[in-house]
Structure formats: structure tokens, C-alpha cells
Amino acid sequence: MIRTIARRLSVGGFTLPALAAELNLSQDALAGRLFMMERLGFVERSGGCAERSRIETSSCRCCAGCSCSGGGTTRYTLTEKGRRLAGRTEE
């Protein structure tokens, strides 16, 4: 599933709810996988609530492990490691 998500991220043009539906996952499950991919170094998160403290434990559904009220847009970008996982090393 991580490779599938990485390949989809490499194409771009999605929202988290749309991507979750496309992958037949709940938004919470997708957010959890993206959070895990970030911790493993496959993706970087920016914007939205990515800049806020990750120590807080409640979730807002816009990303995993944060406590914001859902404002802003969170962007996920593949790292070099993530591009290799997706099979896209030409970027």
C-alpha cells in the first residue's frame, strides 16, 4: 500500500478525501499511512498544520498527529527516497 500511495503522490492532483476514496481507505487510515511515510522519510509535509507542534495528540482529519481545527492545505511531497519507492527517479 505504501508503494501505491507513493506512486499516486508522484502524479499529484488530488485531495486527501479523494485519494482515500480512490484507494478505498478511510481518511483516518490514509492520514495514518502518510504520517508513517513521513516518519520513514518517504514524504515531506508542508503547509496546513504541518508547522504546528506534533506533540499534541488529537487529530483534525487534515493530517495525522496534529491538533489544528482543519484550516489550511497540507501538501505532501515525495522525498528522493519516496521517488525511488514510486519508481520515479527522473525528477
Protein backbone atom coordinates (compact mmCIF):
# COMPACT_ATOMS: atom_id res chain seq x y z
CA MET A 1 0.00 0.00 0.00
CA ILE A 2 2.89 2.39 0.71
CA ARG A 3 4.24 1.94 -2.82
CA THR A 4 0.74 2.56 -4.25
CA ILE A 5 0.44 5.78 -2.25
CA ALA A 6 3.94 6.88 -3.33
CA ARG A 7 3.09 6.26 -6.99
CA ARG A 8 -0.12 8.26 -6.64
CA LEU A 9 1.70 11.11 -4.89
CA SER A 10 4.21 11.21 -7.73
CA VAL A 11 1.38 12.03 -10.16
CA GLY A 12 -0.17 14.73 -7.93
CA GLY A 13 -3.54 16.44 -8.39
CA PHE A 14 -5.56 15.03 -5.50
CA THR A 15 -7.14 15.91 -2.20
CA LEU A 16 -6.86 13.61 0.81
CA PRO A 17 -10.58 12.71 0.74
CA ALA A 18 -10.41 11.95 -3.00
CA LEU A 19 -7.23 9.91 -2.63
CA ALA A 20 -8.70 7.97 0.29
CA ALA A 21 -11.76 7.13 -1.81
CA GLU A 22 -9.57 6.18 -4.79
CA LEU A 23 -7.56 3.81 -2.59
CA ASN A 24 -10.65 2.51 -0.78
CA LEU A 25 -9.32 3.71 2.59
CA SER A 26 -10.85 5.85 5.29
CA GLN A 27 -9.37 9.33 5.59
CA ASP A 28 -8.01 8.40 9.00
CA ALA A 29 -6.29 5.29 7.58
CA LEU A 30 -4.74 7.30 4.74
CA ALA A 31 -3.61 10.04 7.14
CA GLY A 32 -2.01 7.38 9.32
CA ARG A 33 -0.15 5.87 6.39
CA LEU A 34 1.05 9.31 5.25
CA PHE A 35 2.24 10.05 8.78
CA MET A 36 4.13 6.73 8.81
CA MET A 37 5.60 7.50 5.37
CA GLU A 38 6.76 10.87 6.67
CA ARG A 39 8.44 9.26 9.68
CA LEU A 40 10.15 6.73 7.38
CA GLY A 41 11.45 9.51 5.13
CA PHE A 42 9.32 8.83 2.03
CA VAL A 43 7.35 12.10 2.15
CA GLU A 44 7.68 15.62 3.50
CA ARG A 45 4.67 17.53 4.75
CA SER A 46 4.31 21.29 4.42
CA GLY A 47 1.63 23.92 4.80
CA GLY A 48 -1.62 23.48 6.68
CA CYS A 49 -0.94 22.17 10.13
CA ALA A 50 2.49 20.69 9.34
CA GLU A 51 4.18 23.63 11.03
CA ARG A 52 2.29 23.12 14.30
CA SER A 53 3.51 21.10 17.25
CA ARG A 54 3.27 17.36 16.71
CA ILE A 55 3.33 16.68 20.44
CA GLU A 56 -0.40 17.18 20.78
CA THR A 57 -2.43 14.02 20.28
CA SER A 58 -5.87 14.95 18.93
CA SER A 59 -6.44 14.77 15.17
CA CYS A 60 -8.10 17.17 12.76
CA ARG A 61 -8.53 14.83 9.74
CA CYS A 62 -6.32 17.04 7.54
CA CYS A 63 -3.19 15.22 8.65
CA ALA A 64 -2.14 12.68 11.21
CA GLY A 65 -0.99 13.54 14.69
CA CYS A 66 -1.95 17.20 14.93
CA SER A 67 -4.43 19.29 16.84
CA CYS A 68 -5.47 22.06 14.47
CA SER A 69 -9.07 22.69 13.53
CA GLY A 70 -8.55 21.70 9.91
CA GLY A 71 -7.56 25.04 8.41
CA GLY A 72 -5.12 25.38 5.55
CA THR A 73 -3.92 22.99 2.91
CA THR A 74 -1.43 20.28 3.75
CA ARG A 75 0.89 19.31 0.91
CA TYR A 76 2.74 16.02 0.74
CA THR A 77 5.85 15.83 -1.41
CA LEU A 78 7.88 12.73 -2.16
CA THR A 79 11.47 12.80 -0.98
CA GLU A 80 14.22 11.24 -3.09
CA LYS A 81 13.65 8.03 -1.13
CA GLY A 82 9.92 8.25 -1.89
CA ARG A 83 10.55 8.83 -5.60
CA ARG A 84 12.70 5.69 -5.67
CA LEU A 85 9.90 3.74 -3.98
CA ALA A 86 7.44 5.04 -6.58
CA GLY A 87 9.83 4.16 -9.40
CA ARG A 88 10.27 7.81 -10.39
CA THR A 89 13.91 8.77 -10.15
CA GLU A 90 13.99 11.20 -13.09
CA GLU A 91 12.68 14.16 -11.04
